[in-house]
Amino acid sequence: MGLQDREYYRDETSPPGIQFNFQTMVSKLILVNVGLFVINIFTSGRLFSYMAATPDSLVDITRVWQLLTYGFAHANPFHILFNMFALWMFGREVEARRGSQEFLAVYLLSLVIGGTVWCGRYLLMGSEGGASLVGASGAVSTVIMLFILANPKRQLLLFFAIPAPAWAVGALFVFMNMMGMRSNENIAYDVHLAGVACAFLYHFSGVTLTRWTPGWLSSAARGLKSKPKLKVHDPDDQYSDLDSEADRILDKVHREGESSLNRRERQILKDYSRRMRQKHQ
């Protein structure tokens, strides 16, 4: 399989404009969320009532799974539109840097931690009757902050209009959520802040979650990845050893992200990429 065939290969000559790659984990998460939102409409809201987290989800073993499923349920069209747009805008680069499986592990862990924080706060402070939690905002906050931490000087459009460095957008995001904690709005600001905290801990710890996740999760992530195209070997190809080594390295990038590569592996990919470009000219 050539470098250009890989879903996480970033071609410098890619055409400009909005693109939606259905092979990425970000795209698959968006499709799952949108699909569940549509199904919920046809169930008159019953599906999301089962998926939503409540304070009891933290202490009732029969409902603990809601600490994850709440993140795939959304309250209204605007809610899911904002979350999925932010996931698409920032998640693609984070996934390319970390790898699809690692991205999924971080995303799901952020959902669980955010749900746990929200439920714990309600249990400690006293729950209001009928309180429930839905939305991917906590995990999306993690994705946004990981993007900002990796690109602090990248120019972003604040409120879609004002150019500002990413670090300033991140600081404003944290400040607004901290101020929101003091309000009585029906918005889970604590979940957003938990997501931000997850991003900081993950980024600065340097941990790779896929090295610690259960085998079934890694298998599920691989199952979401498209099957590779058949690779035809030419016995006379003098570069067959390089191709095999490049494939091994690319699989490593997909599992653990670019940051896991050493200097030798980066040079091999660079040489392989150059040869593939010359071959296809």
Protein backbone atom coordinates (compact mmCIF):
# COMPACT_ATOMS: atom_id res chain seq x y z
CA MET A 1 0.00 0.00 0.00
CA GLY A 2 1.45 3.33 -1.04
CA LEU A 3 1.76 6.33 1.22
CA GLN A 4 -0.89 8.21 -0.78
CA ASP A 5 -3.40 5.42 -0.11
CA ARG A 6 -3.25 5.88 3.65
CA GLU A 7 -6.14 7.72 5.27
CA TYR A 8 -3.79 9.77 7.43
CA TYR A 9 -1.41 10.76 4.62
CA ARG A 10 -1.47 14.52 4.21
CA ASP A 11 -0.78 15.58 0.65
CA GLU A 12 0.67 19.06 0.46
CA THR A 13 -1.05 19.54 -2.89
CA SER A 14 -4.56 18.74 -1.67
CA PRO A 15 -7.17 21.00 -3.24
CA PRO A 16 -8.51 23.87 -1.08
CA GLY A 17 -12.05 24.05 0.24
CA ILE A 18 -14.28 22.00 2.49
CA GLN A 19 -13.53 18.29 2.31
CA PHE A 20 -15.15 15.42 4.22
CA ASN A 21 -13.10 12.23 4.34
CA PHE A 22 -15.39 9.39 5.38
CA GLN A 23 -12.39 7.22 6.27
CA THR A 24 -11.26 9.25 9.30
CA MET A 25 -12.32 8.58 12.88
CA VAL A 26 -13.63 12.15 13.14
CA SER A 27 -15.99 11.52 10.22
CA LYS A 28 -17.16 8.22 11.69
CA LEU A 29 -17.91 9.84 15.06
CA ILE A 30 -19.91 12.57 13.31
CA LEU A 31 -21.88 10.00 11.32
CA VAL A 32 -22.65 7.99 14.48
CA ASN A 33 -23.85 11.10 16.34
CA VAL A 34 -26.00 12.29 13.46
CA GLY A 35 -27.40 8.81 12.88
CA LEU A 36 -28.41 8.46 16.53
CA PHE A 37 -29.96 11.93 16.47
CA VAL A 38 -32.15 10.93 13.51
CA ILE A 39 -33.12 7.62 15.14
CA ASN A 40 -34.05 9.46 18.32
CA ILE A 41 -36.49 11.60 16.36
CA PHE A 42 -38.30 8.49 15.18
CA THR A 43 -38.43 7.13 18.75
CA SER A 44 -40.00 10.38 20.01
CA GLY A 45 -37.00 11.03 22.25
CA ARG A 46 -37.08 7.68 24.07
CA LEU A 47 -33.63 6.63 22.82
CA PHE A 48 -31.85 9.65 24.26
CA SER A 49 -33.77 9.33 27.53
CA TYR A 50 -32.03 5.95 27.97
CA MET A 51 -28.65 7.28 26.83
CA ALA A 52 -28.62 10.46 28.98
CA ALA A 53 -26.62 10.45 32.20
CA THR A 54 -28.16 11.28 35.56
CA PRO A 55 -26.48 11.60 38.96
CA ASP A 56 -27.54 8.01 39.67
CA SER A 57 -25.48 6.82 36.68
CA LEU A 58 -22.39 7.11 38.88
CA VAL A 59 -23.69 4.93 41.70
CA ASP A 60 -26.14 2.56 40.00
CA ILE A 61 -24.21 -0.31 38.37
CA THR A 62 -27.10 -0.97 36.00
CA ARG A 63 -26.80 2.55 34.57
CA VAL A 64 -23.06 3.20 34.67
CA TRP A 65 -22.86 2.82 30.88
CA GLN A 66 -24.68 6.15 30.62
CA LEU A 67 -21.39 7.83 31.61
CA LEU A 68 -20.36 7.13 28.01
CA THR A 69 -23.60 7.06 26.02
CA TYR A 70 -24.68 10.56 27.09
CA GLY A 71 -21.94 11.90 24.82
CA PHE A 72 -23.70 10.55 21.74
CA ALA A 73 -27.05 12.15 22.60
CA HIS A 74 -27.91 15.81 21.91
CA ALA A 75 -30.72 18.05 23.07
CA ASN A 76 -31.59 19.79 19.79
CA PRO A 77 -30.34 20.43 16.23
CA PHE A 78 -28.27 23.46 17.25
CA HIS A 79 -26.60 21.44 20.01
CA ILE A 80 -25.43 18.67 17.69
CA LEU A 81 -24.58 21.09 14.87
CA PHE A 82 -22.23 23.15 17.04
CA ASN A 83 -20.53 20.11 18.57
CA MET A 84 -20.05 18.25 15.29
CA PHE A 85 -18.83 21.36 13.48
CA ALA A 86 -16.21 21.98 16.19
CA LEU A 87 -15.22 18.30 16.14
CA TRP A 88 -14.76 18.45 12.36
CA MET A 89 -12.88 21.77 12.43
CA PHE A 90 -10.34 20.82 15.10
CA GLY A 91 -10.48 17.04 15.28
CA ARG A 92 -9.04 16.28 11.85
CA GLU A 93 -5.63 17.74 12.63
CA VAL A 94 -5.56 16.22 16.12
CA GLU A 95 -6.38 12.81 14.65
CA ALA A 96 -3.68 13.17 11.98
CA ARG A 97 -1.14 14.00 14.68
CA ARG A 98 -2.17 11.33 17.20
CA GLY A 99 -3.51 8.52 15.03
CA SER A 100 -7.09 7.28 14.66
CA GLN A 101 -7.08 4.72 17.47
CA GLU A 102 -5.39 7.07 19.91
CA PHE A 103 -7.83 9.84 18.97
CA LEU A 104 -10.79 7.55 19.66
CA ALA A 105 -9.34 6.50 23.02
CA VAL A 106 -8.83 10.13 24.10
CA TYR A 107 -12.31 11.10 22.90
CA LEU A 108 -14.10 8.28 24.76
CA LEU A 109 -12.04 8.74 27.93
CA SER A 110 -12.91 12.45 27.94
CA LEU A 111 -16.61 11.59 27.73
CA VAL A 112 -16.37 9.25 30.70
CA ILE A 113 -14.37 11.71 32.81
CA GLY A 114 -16.72 14.58 31.97
CA GLY A 115 -19.78 12.51 32.85
CA THR A 116 -18.17 11.38 36.10
CA VAL A 117 -17.34 14.97 37.09
CA TRP A 118 -20.89 16.15 36.38
CA CYS A 119 -22.53 13.29 38.27
CA GLY A 120 -20.12 13.65 41.18
CA ARG A 121 -20.84 17.36 41.51
CA TYR A 122 -24.60 16.79 41.57
CA LEU A 123 -24.28 14.04 44.17
CA LEU A 124 -22.08 16.19 46.41
CA MET A 125 -24.15 19.37 46.08
CA GLY A 126 -27.57 17.82 45.95
CA SER A 127 -29.33 16.85 42.74
CA GLU A 128 -32.28 18.73 41.36
CA GLY A 129 -35.14 16.49 40.33
CA GLY A 130 -34.92 15.28 36.74
CA ALA A 131 -31.38 16.55 36.09
CA SER A 132 -29.75 14.83 33.11
CA LEU A 133 -26.68 15.28 30.94
CA VAL A 134 -26.39 14.93 27.15
CA GLY A 135 -23.92 16.11 24.53
CA ALA A 136 -20.37 15.62 23.27
CA SER A 137 -19.24 19.05 24.51
CA GLY A 138 -16.78 17.66 27.06
CA ALA A 139 -14.92 15.49 24.56
CA VAL A 140 -15.08 18.24 21.93
CA SER A 141 -13.55 20.64 24.48
CA THR A 142 -10.68 18.18 24.87
CA VAL A 143 -10.19 18.05 21.10
CA ILE A 144 -10.26 21.85 20.77
CA MET A 145 -7.73 22.32 23.56
CA LEU A 146 -5.41 19.62 22.15
CA PHE A 147 -5.44 21.51 18.86
CA ILE A 148 -4.63 24.77 20.65
CA LEU A 149 -1.84 23.23 22.74
CA ALA A 150 -0.24 21.81 19.57
CA ASN A 151 -0.70 25.07 17.62
CA PRO A 152 -0.67 27.95 20.14
CA LYS A 153 0.30 30.58 17.53
CA ARG A 154 -2.10 29.42 14.81
CA GLN A 155 -4.45 32.22 13.74
CA LEU A 156 -8.13 31.48 14.43
CA LEU A 157 -11.25 33.55 13.84
CA LEU A 158 -12.72 34.46 17.20
CA PHE A 159 -16.52 34.53 16.88
CA PHE A 160 -15.93 33.73 13.18
CA ALA A 161 -14.78 37.32 12.60
CA ILE A 162 -11.83 38.47 14.76
CA PRO A 163 -8.34 37.05 13.98
CA ALA A 164 -6.62 35.88 17.16
CA PRO A 165 -3.84 33.43 18.11
CA ALA A 166 -5.07 30.03 19.22
CA TRP A 167 -3.68 30.45 22.74
CA ALA A 168 -5.84 33.55 23.24
CA VAL A 169 -8.94 31.73 22.01
CA GLY A 170 -8.16 28.92 24.45
CA ALA A 171 -7.70 31.33 27.36
CA LEU A 172 -11.01 33.04 26.55
CA PHE A 173 -12.74 29.66 26.27
CA VAL A 174 -11.55 28.66 29.76
CA PHE A 175 -12.44 32.06 31.24
CA MET A 176 -15.97 32.04 29.80
CA ASN A 177 -16.62 28.55 31.14
CA MET A 178 -15.31 29.47 34.58
CA MET A 179 -17.63 32.47 34.62
CA GLY A 180 -20.46 30.26 33.40
CA MET A 181 -20.02 28.03 36.45
CA ARG A 182 -21.36 30.92 38.54
CA SER A 183 -24.57 31.19 36.53
CA ASN A 184 -27.77 29.18 36.67
CA GLU A 185 -27.78 28.35 32.98
CA ASN A 186 -28.67 24.84 31.91
CA ILE A 187 -25.20 24.31 30.42
CA ALA A 188 -22.65 21.82 31.76
CA TYR A 189 -19.73 24.21 32.11
CA ASP A 190 -18.06 21.81 34.53
CA VAL A 191 -17.99 19.15 31.81
CA HIS A 192 -16.33 21.61 29.41
CA LEU A 193 -13.67 22.42 32.02
CA ALA A 194 -13.16 18.72 32.72
CA GLY A 195 -12.51 18.28 29.00
CA VAL A 196 -9.96 21.10 29.06
CA ALA A 197 -8.25 19.49 32.07
CA CYS A 198 -8.12 16.16 30.22
CA ALA A 199 -6.41 17.87 27.28
CA PHE A 200 -3.75 19.47 29.48
CA LEU A 201 -3.04 16.25 31.39
CA TYR A 202 -2.87 14.20 28.22
CA HIS A 203 -0.73 16.69 26.28
CA PHE A 204 1.87 17.32 28.96
CA SER A 205 2.05 13.77 30.34
CA GLY A 206 3.04 12.37 26.96
CA VAL A 207 1.05 9.21 27.64
CA THR A 208 -0.18 6.99 24.80
CA LEU A 209 -3.58 5.61 25.78
CA THR A 210 -3.66 2.83 23.19
CA ARG A 211 -0.78 1.16 25.02
CA TRP A 212 -3.03 0.81 28.07
CA THR A 213 -6.50 0.31 26.59
CA PRO A 214 -8.16 -3.14 26.62
CA GLY A 215 -7.75 -5.30 23.55
CA TRP A 216 -11.46 -5.08 22.67
CA LEU A 217 -11.26 -1.28 22.31
CA SER A 218 -8.28 -1.45 19.98
CA SER A 219 -10.04 -4.14 17.97
CA ALA A 220 -13.17 -1.99 17.74
CA ALA A 221 -11.13 0.96 16.50
CA ARG A 222 -9.47 -1.20 13.87
CA GLY A 223 -12.90 -2.46 12.86
CA LEU A 224 -14.01 1.10 12.16
CA LYS A 225 -11.10 1.54 9.79
CA SER A 226 -11.66 0.71 6.13
CA LYS A 227 -10.10 -2.48 4.86
CA PRO A 228 -6.83 -1.84 3.04
CA LYS A 229 -6.60 -2.26 -0.67
CA LEU A 230 -4.80 -5.35 -1.99
CA LYS A 231 -1.10 -4.84 -2.34
CA VAL A 232 0.57 -6.34 -5.40
CA HIS A 233 4.28 -7.05 -5.02
CA ASP A 234 6.69 -6.92 -7.92
CA PRO A 235 9.43 -9.55 -7.36
CA ASP A 236 11.86 -7.40 -9.32
CA ASP A 237 11.16 -4.30 -7.31
CA GLN A 238 14.45 -3.25 -5.72
CA TYR A 239 12.53 -1.17 -3.20
CA SER A 240 10.41 -3.99 -1.77
CA ASP A 241 12.23 -3.89 1.57
CA LEU A 242 11.70 -0.13 1.83
CA ASP A 243 8.02 -0.55 0.99
CA SER A 244 7.57 -3.13 3.75
CA GLU A 245 9.39 -0.97 6.26
CA ALA A 246 7.34 2.09 5.24
CA ASP A 247 4.12 0.10 5.69
CA ARG A 248 5.22 -0.92 9.18
CA ILE A 249 5.99 2.68 10.10
CA LEU A 250 2.69 3.93 8.67
CA ASP A 251 0.80 1.38 10.73
CA LYS A 252 2.66 2.69 13.78
CA VAL A 253 1.62 6.26 12.90
CA HIS A 254 -1.99 5.11 12.62
CA ARG A 255 -1.86 3.41 16.03
CA GLU A 256 0.24 5.86 18.03
CA GLY A 257 0.50 9.09 16.02
CA GLU A 258 3.43 10.91 14.42
CA SER A 259 4.99 11.80 17.76
CA SER A 260 5.88 8.12 18.33
CA LEU A 261 8.36 8.04 15.41
CA ASN A 262 12.11 8.23 15.90
CA ARG A 263 14.53 10.07 13.59
CA ARG A 264 15.29 6.99 11.47
CA GLU A 265 11.62 6.22 10.90
CA ARG A 266 10.89 9.82 9.90
CA GLN A 267 13.72 9.72 7.37
CA ILE A 268 12.41 6.46 5.89
CA LEU A 269 8.96 7.99 5.43
CA LYS A 270 10.50 11.09 3.88
CA ASP A 271 12.48 9.00 1.35
CA TYR A 272 9.46 6.81 0.64
CA SER A 273 7.20 9.81 0.10
CA ARG A 274 9.68 11.39 -2.30
CA ARG A 275 9.98 8.19 -4.33
CA MET A 276 6.17 7.79 -4.52
CA ARG A 277 5.77 11.34 -5.80
CA GLN A 278 8.43 10.79 -8.46
CA LYS A 279 6.80 7.51 -9.44
CA HIS A 280 3.40 9.14 -9.98
CA GLN A 281 4.63 12.21 -11.86
